Amino acid sequence: MQFKYTILYVVDVPTSLDFYQRAFSLKLKMLHPDNDYGELQTGTTTLAFSSLKLIRDSGKNAVASNIEHPSFEIAFETSDVAAAVDVALQAGAKLMQAIQLMPWGQTTAYVADCDGNLVEICSPVMQ
């Protein structure tokens, strides 16, 4: 079994794709012509976005993310957390937790994306 993709449910797929491209330097993999579904290249897995309307029309009772009560996070690893946080903030992310050095040797920070999803920006764990 292989972990293939994660789909975030968002209000506006093109806006979310644009944000992630600017904030995290991801490349567009595809955007469906109806603008209700799109994917970004992230390596061996895919980060995908589906409109809330599309998922609701398919019979699932999805709700918009709430940064005050997150139910998950996604994480991006980088060797320069400070620089990555600066880029994300310039792209419109909201700082949720300032950069911290964790006891296990990892540097982390948290931002909220344009849809209220929690995103961790972290360094590799130093061992």
N, C-alpha and C. Protein backbone atom coordinates (compact mmCIF):
# COMPACT_ATOMS: atom_id res chain seq x y z
N MET A 1 0.85 -1.18 0.00
CA MET A 1 0.00 0.00 0.00
C MET A 1 0.89 1.24 0.00
N GLN A 2 0.46 2.27 -0.72
CA GLN A 2 1.21 3.51 -0.81
C GLN A 2 0.27 4.68 -0.56
N PHE A 3 0.71 5.63 0.27
CA PHE A 3 -0.06 6.85 0.49
C PHE A 3 0.00 7.68 -0.79
N LYS A 4 -1.14 7.94 -1.40
CA LYS A 4 -1.19 8.55 -2.73
C LYS A 4 -1.45 10.05 -2.70
N TYR A 5 -2.50 10.48 -1.97
CA TYR A 5 -2.84 11.91 -2.00
C TYR A 5 -3.65 12.32 -0.79
N THR A 6 -3.67 13.62 -0.57
CA THR A 6 -4.53 14.27 0.40
C THR A 6 -5.34 15.29 -0.37
N ILE A 7 -6.63 15.37 -0.07
CA ILE A 7 -7.50 16.36 -0.71
C ILE A 7 -8.00 17.32 0.36
N LEU A 8 -7.75 18.60 0.16
CA LEU A 8 -8.29 19.63 1.03
C LEU A 8 -9.56 20.16 0.39
N TYR A 9 -10.63 20.30 1.18
CA TYR A 9 -11.89 20.86 0.70
C TYR A 9 -11.86 22.37 0.91
N VAL A 10 -12.01 23.10 -0.18
CA VAL A 10 -11.83 24.55 -0.15
C VAL A 10 -12.99 25.25 -0.88
N VAL A 11 -13.12 26.52 -0.64
CA VAL A 11 -14.17 27.31 -1.29
C VAL A 11 -13.85 27.54 -2.76
N ASP A 12 -12.59 27.93 -3.04
CA ASP A 12 -12.20 28.33 -4.39
C ASP A 12 -10.89 27.63 -4.76
N VAL A 13 -10.97 26.62 -5.57
CA VAL A 13 -9.80 25.80 -5.92
C VAL A 13 -8.69 26.63 -6.58
N PRO A 14 -8.96 27.43 -7.62
CA PRO A 14 -7.86 28.19 -8.22
C PRO A 14 -7.15 29.13 -7.23
N THR A 15 -7.90 29.74 -6.32
CA THR A 15 -7.30 30.62 -5.31
C THR A 15 -6.38 29.83 -4.39
N SER A 16 -6.83 28.65 -3.96
CA SER A 16 -6.01 27.81 -3.08
C SER A 16 -4.76 27.32 -3.79
N LEU A 17 -4.89 26.89 -5.05
CA LEU A 17 -3.73 26.46 -5.82
C LEU A 17 -2.72 27.60 -5.96
N ASP A 18 -3.20 28.77 -6.27
CA ASP A 18 -2.32 29.93 -6.41
C ASP A 18 -1.59 30.22 -5.10
N PHE A 19 -2.32 30.19 -3.99
CA PHE A 19 -1.70 30.43 -2.69
C PHE A 19 -0.57 29.43 -2.42
N TYR A 20 -0.83 28.15 -2.58
CA TYR A 20 0.18 27.13 -2.30
C TYR A 20 1.37 27.22 -3.24
N GLN A 21 1.14 27.63 -4.47
CA GLN A 21 2.26 27.82 -5.40
C GLN A 21 3.15 28.96 -4.92
N ARG A 22 2.54 30.06 -4.50
CA ARG A 22 3.31 31.22 -4.04
C ARG A 22 3.91 31.00 -2.66
N ALA A 23 3.16 30.40 -1.74
CA ALA A 23 3.60 30.26 -0.36
C ALA A 23 4.63 29.16 -0.17
N PHE A 24 4.53 28.08 -0.94
CA PHE A 24 5.38 26.91 -0.70
C PHE A 24 6.13 26.44 -1.93
N SER A 25 6.13 27.25 -2.98
CA SER A 25 6.87 26.97 -4.21
C SER A 25 6.50 25.63 -4.85
N LEU A 26 5.23 25.25 -4.74
CA LEU A 26 4.76 24.01 -5.37
C LEU A 26 4.37 24.30 -6.81
N LYS A 27 4.45 23.29 -7.64
CA LYS A 27 4.12 23.42 -9.06
C LYS A 27 2.76 22.81 -9.34
N LEU A 28 2.03 23.46 -10.23
CA LEU A 28 0.71 22.98 -10.63
C LEU A 28 0.85 21.68 -11.40
N LYS A 29 0.10 20.69 -10.98
CA LYS A 29 0.04 19.41 -11.69
C LYS A 29 -1.14 19.42 -12.66
N MET A 30 -2.30 19.87 -12.16
CA MET A 30 -3.47 19.98 -13.03
C MET A 30 -4.58 20.77 -12.34
N LEU A 31 -5.41 21.40 -13.16
CA LEU A 31 -6.63 22.05 -12.72
C LEU A 31 -7.73 21.64 -13.68
N HIS A 32 -8.77 21.02 -13.15
CA HIS A 32 -9.89 20.58 -13.99
C HIS A 32 -10.53 21.80 -14.64
N PRO A 33 -10.99 21.69 -15.89
CA PRO A 33 -11.58 22.83 -16.59
C PRO A 33 -12.75 23.50 -15.85
N ASP A 34 -13.48 22.77 -15.00
CA ASP A 34 -14.58 23.40 -14.26
C ASP A 34 -14.12 24.10 -12.99
N ASN A 35 -12.80 24.08 -12.71
CA ASN A 35 -12.19 24.75 -11.55
C ASN A 35 -12.63 24.19 -10.21
N ASP A 36 -13.23 23.01 -10.17
CA ASP A 36 -13.67 22.41 -8.92
C ASP A 36 -12.69 21.40 -8.35
N TYR A 37 -11.59 21.11 -9.07
CA TYR A 37 -10.61 20.15 -8.59
C TYR A 37 -9.25 20.48 -9.20
N GLY A 38 -8.22 20.39 -8.38
CA GLY A 38 -6.87 20.63 -8.87
C GLY A 38 -5.85 19.92 -8.02
N GLU A 39 -4.63 19.77 -8.56
CA GLU A 39 -3.56 19.07 -7.87
C GLU A 39 -2.24 19.84 -8.02
N LEU A 40 -1.40 19.68 -6.99
CA LEU A 40 -0.06 20.25 -6.99
C LEU A 40 0.96 19.12 -6.89
N GLN A 41 2.13 19.33 -7.50
CA GLN A 41 3.22 18.36 -7.42
C GLN A 41 3.93 18.54 -6.09
N THR A 42 4.07 17.45 -5.35
CA THR A 42 4.75 17.52 -4.06
C THR A 42 5.74 16.39 -3.86
N GLY A 43 6.10 15.71 -4.90
CA GLY A 43 6.99 14.57 -4.77
C GLY A 43 6.23 13.29 -5.07
N THR A 44 6.32 12.32 -4.16
CA THR A 44 5.68 11.03 -4.41
C THR A 44 4.19 11.01 -4.08
N THR A 45 3.72 12.00 -3.36
CA THR A 45 2.29 12.11 -3.08
C THR A 45 1.76 13.36 -3.77
N THR A 46 0.45 13.48 -3.81
CA THR A 46 -0.19 14.62 -4.44
C THR A 46 -0.98 15.40 -3.40
N LEU A 47 -0.87 16.70 -3.42
CA LEU A 47 -1.72 17.57 -2.62
C LEU A 47 -2.80 18.08 -3.55
N ALA A 48 -4.04 17.68 -3.26
CA ALA A 48 -5.16 18.00 -4.13
C ALA A 48 -6.15 18.90 -3.42
N PHE A 49 -6.97 19.57 -4.21
CA PHE A 49 -7.97 20.49 -3.70
C PHE A 49 -9.28 20.23 -4.43
N SER A 50 -10.34 20.10 -3.65
CA SER A 50 -11.68 19.94 -4.21
C SER A 50 -12.55 21.05 -3.65
N SER A 51 -13.41 21.59 -4.48
CA SER A 51 -14.31 22.62 -3.96
C SER A 51 -15.30 21.99 -3.00
N LEU A 52 -15.69 22.74 -2.01
CA LEU A 52 -16.73 22.28 -1.08
C LEU A 52 -18.00 21.95 -1.84
N LYS A 53 -18.31 22.73 -2.86
CA LYS A 53 -19.51 22.48 -3.65
C LYS A 53 -19.44 21.11 -4.31
N LEU A 54 -18.31 20.78 -4.91
CA LEU A 54 -18.18 19.49 -5.59
C LEU A 54 -18.35 18.33 -4.61
N ILE A 55 -17.70 18.41 -3.46
CA ILE A 55 -17.77 17.30 -2.51
C ILE A 55 -19.17 17.20 -1.91
N ARG A 56 -19.81 18.34 -1.69
CA ARG A 56 -21.19 18.31 -1.17
C ARG A 56 -22.15 17.76 -2.22
N ASP A 57 -21.92 18.12 -3.48
CA ASP A 57 -22.77 17.60 -4.56
C ASP A 57 -22.61 16.09 -4.72
N SER A 58 -21.49 15.54 -4.24
CA SER A 58 -21.29 14.09 -4.32
C SER A 58 -21.88 13.36 -3.11
N GLY A 59 -22.59 14.09 -2.25
CA GLY A 59 -23.28 13.48 -1.14
C GLY A 59 -22.52 13.43 0.17
N LYS A 60 -21.36 14.06 0.22
CA LYS A 60 -20.58 14.10 1.46
C LYS A 60 -20.83 15.43 2.16
N ASN A 61 -20.96 15.40 3.45
CA ASN A 61 -21.30 16.59 4.23
C ASN A 61 -20.04 17.29 4.73
N ALA A 62 -19.21 17.73 3.81
CA ALA A 62 -17.95 18.39 4.17
C ALA A 62 -18.21 19.79 4.70
N VAL A 63 -17.34 20.23 5.60
CA VAL A 63 -17.41 21.58 6.15
C VAL A 63 -16.09 22.29 5.89
N ALA A 64 -16.14 23.59 5.88
CA ALA A 64 -14.93 24.39 5.70
C ALA A 64 -14.03 24.25 6.93
N SER A 65 -12.74 24.39 6.72
CA SER A 65 -11.78 24.33 7.82
C SER A 65 -11.97 25.50 8.75
N ASN A 66 -11.59 25.30 10.00
CA ASN A 66 -11.67 26.36 11.01
C ASN A 66 -10.35 26.39 11.74
N ILE A 67 -9.54 27.41 11.51
CA ILE A 67 -8.20 27.48 12.08
C ILE A 67 -8.25 27.55 13.60
N GLU A 68 -9.36 28.00 14.17
CA GLU A 68 -9.48 28.05 15.62
C GLU A 68 -9.69 26.66 16.21
N HIS A 69 -10.12 25.71 15.40
CA HIS A 69 -10.37 24.33 15.83
C HIS A 69 -9.89 23.36 14.75
N PRO A 70 -8.57 23.32 14.48
CA PRO A 70 -8.09 22.45 13.40
C PRO A 70 -8.29 20.97 13.75
N SER A 71 -8.56 20.19 12.72
CA SER A 71 -8.72 18.75 12.94
C SER A 71 -7.58 17.97 12.27
N PHE A 72 -6.66 18.66 11.60
CA PHE A 72 -5.50 18.03 10.98
C PHE A 72 -4.50 19.13 10.65
N GLU A 73 -3.31 18.70 10.25
CA GLU A 73 -2.32 19.64 9.72
C GLU A 73 -1.59 18.96 8.58
N ILE A 74 -1.05 19.76 7.69
CA ILE A 74 -0.12 19.25 6.70
C ILE A 74 1.23 19.88 7.02
N ALA A 75 2.30 19.25 6.60
CA ALA A 75 3.63 19.75 6.93
C ALA A 75 4.53 19.76 5.71
N PHE A 76 5.34 20.79 5.64
CA PHE A 76 6.36 20.92 4.61
C PHE A 76 7.71 21.01 5.30
N GLU A 77 8.65 20.18 4.85
CA GLU A 77 9.99 20.16 5.44
C GLU A 77 10.93 21.00 4.60
N THR A 78 11.79 21.75 5.28
CA THR A 78 12.75 22.62 4.62
C THR A 78 13.98 22.77 5.49
N SER A 79 15.09 23.09 4.89
CA SER A 79 16.30 23.32 5.67
C SER A 79 16.35 24.74 6.23
N ASP A 80 15.49 25.64 5.75
CA ASP A 80 15.47 27.02 6.23
C ASP A 80 14.04 27.42 6.59
N VAL A 81 13.65 27.09 7.82
CA VAL A 81 12.29 27.36 8.28
C VAL A 81 11.98 28.85 8.26
N ALA A 82 12.91 29.67 8.72
CA ALA A 82 12.66 31.11 8.78
C ALA A 82 12.36 31.69 7.41
N ALA A 83 13.15 31.33 6.42
CA ALA A 83 12.93 31.83 5.06
C ALA A 83 11.59 31.33 4.52
N ALA A 84 11.26 30.07 4.77
CA ALA A 84 10.00 29.51 4.28
C ALA A 84 8.80 30.18 4.94
N VAL A 85 8.90 30.47 6.22
CA VAL A 85 7.82 31.18 6.91
C VAL A 85 7.65 32.56 6.31
N ASP A 86 8.75 33.27 6.07
CA ASP A 86 8.66 34.61 5.47
C ASP A 86 7.95 34.57 4.12
N VAL A 87 8.28 33.60 3.28
CA VAL A 87 7.64 33.48 1.97
C VAL A 87 6.15 33.20 2.13
N ALA A 88 5.81 32.28 3.03
CA ALA A 88 4.40 31.95 3.26
C ALA A 88 3.62 33.17 3.75
N LEU A 89 4.19 33.94 4.66
CA LEU A 89 3.51 35.13 5.17
C LEU A 89 3.33 36.18 4.07
N GLN A 90 4.34 36.34 3.23
CA GLN A 90 4.23 37.28 2.10
C GLN A 90 3.14 36.85 1.13
N ALA A 91 2.88 35.53 1.05
CA ALA A 91 1.84 35.02 0.15
C ALA A 91 0.45 35.11 0.77
N GLY A 92 0.38 35.52 2.04
CA GLY A 92 -0.91 35.69 2.68
C GLY A 92 -1.23 34.73 3.81
N ALA A 93 -0.28 33.87 4.17
CA ALA A 93 -0.49 32.97 5.31
C ALA A 93 -0.55 33.80 6.59
N LYS A 94 -1.19 33.23 7.60
CA LYS A 94 -1.29 33.87 8.92
C LYS A 94 -0.43 33.07 9.89
N LEU A 95 0.45 33.75 10.61
CA LEU A 95 1.31 33.06 11.57
C LEU A 95 0.48 32.57 12.75
N MET A 96 0.57 31.28 13.03
CA MET A 96 -0.18 30.68 14.14
C MET A 96 0.74 30.34 15.30
N GLN A 97 1.99 29.98 15.00
CA GLN A 97 2.98 29.69 16.04
C GLN A 97 4.34 30.09 15.50
N ALA A 98 5.02 30.96 16.23
CA ALA A 98 6.34 31.41 15.81
C ALA A 98 7.33 30.25 15.79
N ILE A 99 8.44 30.47 15.15
CA ILE A 99 9.48 29.45 15.03
C ILE A 99 9.97 29.02 16.42
N GLN A 100 10.04 27.71 16.60
CA GLN A 100 10.51 27.15 17.87
C GLN A 100 11.45 25.98 17.59
N LEU A 101 12.46 25.84 18.46
CA LEU A 101 13.33 24.67 18.42
C LEU A 101 12.73 23.65 19.39
N MET A 102 12.37 22.50 18.88
CA MET A 102 11.72 21.48 19.69
C MET A 102 12.78 20.61 20.40
N PRO A 103 12.41 19.99 21.52
CA PRO A 103 13.38 19.18 22.29
C PRO A 103 13.99 18.03 21.49
N TRP A 104 13.31 17.58 20.45
CA TRP A 104 13.82 16.45 19.66
C TRP A 104 14.70 16.93 18.50
N GLY A 105 15.03 18.23 18.48
CA GLY A 105 15.99 18.74 17.52
C GLY A 105 15.42 19.26 16.22
N GLN A 106 14.12 19.45 16.17
CA GLN A 106 13.47 19.95 14.95
C GLN A 106 13.03 21.39 15.17
N THR A 107 13.16 22.20 14.15
CA THR A 107 12.65 23.57 14.18
C THR A 107 11.29 23.57 13.50
N THR A 108 10.29 24.17 14.15
CA THR A 108 8.94 24.18 13.60
C THR A 108 8.31 25.56 13.71
N ALA A 109 7.36 25.80 12.84
CA ALA A 109 6.48 26.97 12.90
C ALA A 109 5.17 26.54 12.27
N TYR A 110 4.10 27.26 12.61
CA TYR A 110 2.79 26.94 12.05
C TYR A 110 2.16 28.18 11.46
N VAL A 111 1.55 28.00 10.29
CA VAL A 111 0.80 29.07 9.65
C VAL A 111 -0.59 28.53 9.27
N ALA A 112 -1.49 29.45 9.02
CA ALA A 112 -2.79 29.10 8.47
C ALA A 112 -2.78 29.46 7.00
N ASP A 113 -3.31 28.56 6.17
CA ASP A 113 -3.40 28.87 4.75
C ASP A 113 -4.61 29.76 4.48
N CYS A 114 -4.87 30.04 3.23
CA CYS A 114 -5.96 30.95 2.85
C CYS A 114 -7.34 30.38 3.13
N ASP A 115 -7.43 29.09 3.44
CA ASP A 115 -8.70 28.45 3.73
C ASP A 115 -8.86 28.09 5.20
N GLY A 116 -7.89 28.46 6.03
CA GLY A 116 -7.97 28.15 7.44
C GLY A 116 -7.46 26.76 7.80
N ASN A 117 -6.62 26.18 6.95
CA ASN A 117 -5.98 24.90 7.27
C ASN A 117 -4.65 25.16 7.97
N LEU A 118 -4.31 24.31 8.91
CA LEU A 118 -3.07 24.44 9.66
C LEU A 118 -1.93 23.80 8.87
N VAL A 119 -0.85 24.57 8.68
CA VAL A 119 0.31 24.09 7.92
C VAL A 119 1.55 24.24 8.79
N GLU A 120 2.24 23.13 8.99
CA GLU A 120 3.51 23.16 9.72
C GLU A 120 4.63 23.34 8.71
N ILE A 121 5.57 24.20 9.05
CA ILE A 121 6.80 24.36 8.29
C ILE A 121 7.91 23.91 9.23
N CYS A 122 8.65 22.88 8.84
CA CYS A 122 9.59 22.28 9.78
C CYS A 122 10.90 21.90 9.10
N SER A 123 11.91 21.78 9.93
CA SER A 123 13.21 21.29 9.48
C SER A 123 13.22 19.77 9.63
N PRO A 124 14.21 19.12 9.01
CA PRO A 124 14.38 17.70 9.30
C PRO A 124 14.71 17.53 10.79
N VAL A 125 14.36 16.39 11.34
CA VAL A 125 14.69 16.11 12.74
C VAL A 125 16.18 15.82 12.82
N MET A 126 16.86 16.53 13.72
CA MET A 126 18.29 16.32 13.92
C MET A 126 18.49 15.20 14.93
N GLN A 127 19.28 14.22 14.55
CA GLN A 127 19.52 13.08 15.46
C GLN A 127 20.96 12.95 15.81
